Amino acid sequence: MLSDCVAYSRDSEGAFDISVGPLMKVWGFYKGSGHLPHRAEVEAALPKVGYRHIRLDAAAGTVSFDRSGSSWTPAESVRATPWIAWWMF
């Protein structure tokens, strides 16, 4: 599934990006305490976002990132996949 999500991210030129975890954290979405973050928080998170930072190793069955602090968002990946499939076709 992750390889499909990375492909969707690439094909949508980042409109769908599973690596938004750092932004979701500063907005407080992981803890259910959503709030408007300070500009500095968003600016610090942005360099950590981008599907191009995700490294999938199918042979080893691992996921890594080429930037410290990057992360993927599994819940959003699962929820968005049907919409992406509709959008792509």
Protein backbone atom coordinates (compact mmCIF):
# COMPACT_ATOMS: atom_id res chain seq x y z
CA MET A 1 0.00 0.00 0.00
CA LEU A 2 2.82 2.45 0.77
CA SER A 3 4.28 2.09 -2.69
CA ASP A 4 0.85 2.91 -4.15
CA CYS A 5 0.56 5.96 -1.89
CA VAL A 6 4.01 7.19 -2.93
CA ALA A 7 3.01 6.66 -6.57
CA TYR A 8 -0.20 8.68 -6.00
CA SER A 9 1.89 11.41 -4.38
CA ARG A 10 4.22 11.48 -7.36
CA ASP A 11 1.44 11.31 -9.96
CA SER A 12 -0.48 14.12 -8.26
CA GLU A 13 2.72 16.19 -8.04
CA GLY A 14 2.34 16.33 -4.27
CA ALA A 15 -1.35 17.31 -4.13
CA PHE A 16 -1.79 14.03 -2.26
CA ASP A 17 1.22 13.58 0.00
CA ILE A 18 1.40 10.90 2.67
CA SER A 19 4.35 12.65 4.32
CA VAL A 20 2.30 15.41 5.97
CA GLY A 21 2.86 13.94 9.45
CA PRO A 22 5.10 16.82 10.62
CA LEU A 23 2.44 19.38 9.65
CA MET A 24 -0.33 17.37 11.27
CA LYS A 25 1.69 17.36 14.49
CA VAL A 26 2.11 21.15 14.61
CA TRP A 27 -1.61 21.60 13.91
CA GLY A 28 -2.37 19.25 16.81
CA PHE A 29 -4.30 16.70 14.76
CA TYR A 30 -2.59 13.63 16.25
CA LYS A 31 -3.67 14.43 19.79
CA GLY A 32 -7.11 15.74 18.85
CA SER A 33 -6.21 19.18 20.13
CA GLY A 34 -6.29 20.96 16.78
CA HIS A 35 -5.07 24.52 16.99
CA LEU A 36 -3.63 27.26 14.80
CA PRO A 37 0.15 26.88 15.00
CA HIS A 38 2.64 29.71 15.02
CA ARG A 39 4.20 30.56 11.67
CA ALA A 40 7.61 29.43 12.96
CA GLU A 41 6.20 25.97 13.76
CA VAL A 42 4.85 25.57 10.24
CA GLU A 43 8.07 26.86 8.68
CA ALA A 44 10.09 24.38 10.76
CA ALA A 45 7.83 21.48 9.70
CA LEU A 46 7.71 22.22 5.96
CA PRO A 47 11.24 21.01 5.10
CA LYS A 48 10.33 17.63 6.66
CA VAL A 49 7.32 17.19 4.34
CA GLY A 50 7.52 15.77 0.85
CA TYR A 51 6.98 12.31 -0.59
CA ARG A 52 10.38 12.59 -2.30
CA HIS A 53 11.98 12.07 1.14
CA ILE A 54 10.42 8.61 1.51
CA ARG A 55 12.67 5.63 0.77
CA LEU A 56 10.93 2.28 0.29
CA ASP A 57 13.01 -0.88 0.22
CA ALA A 58 10.68 -3.62 -0.97
CA ALA A 59 13.32 -6.34 -0.64
CA ALA A 60 13.97 -5.50 3.02
CA GLY A 61 10.36 -4.48 3.71
CA THR A 62 11.46 -1.18 5.22
CA VAL A 63 10.54 2.49 5.05
CA SER A 64 13.03 5.26 5.76
CA PHE A 65 13.36 8.98 5.15
CA ASP A 66 16.27 11.03 3.88
CA ARG A 67 15.42 13.87 6.29
CA SER A 68 15.28 13.72 10.05
CA GLY A 69 11.81 14.33 11.43
CA SER A 70 9.94 13.22 8.31
CA SER A 71 7.05 10.83 8.73
CA TRP A 72 4.13 9.36 6.83
CA THR A 73 0.51 9.49 7.85
CA PRO A 74 -1.04 6.01 7.76
CA ALA A 75 -4.61 6.99 8.69
CA GLU A 76 -4.76 9.62 5.98
CA SER A 77 -3.31 7.16 3.48
CA VAL A 78 -6.10 4.67 4.12
CA ARG A 79 -8.89 7.28 4.13
CA ALA A 80 -7.66 9.05 1.02
CA THR A 81 -6.94 6.01 -1.17
CA PRO A 82 -10.52 5.61 -2.51
CA TRP A 83 -10.65 9.32 -3.39
CA ILE A 84 -7.30 9.15 -5.10
CA ALA A 85 -8.39 6.13 -7.11
CA TRP A 86 -11.47 8.09 -8.23
CA TRP A 87 -9.39 11.17 -9.06
CA MET A 88 -6.73 9.21 -10.97
CA PHE A 89 -9.28 7.44 -13.17
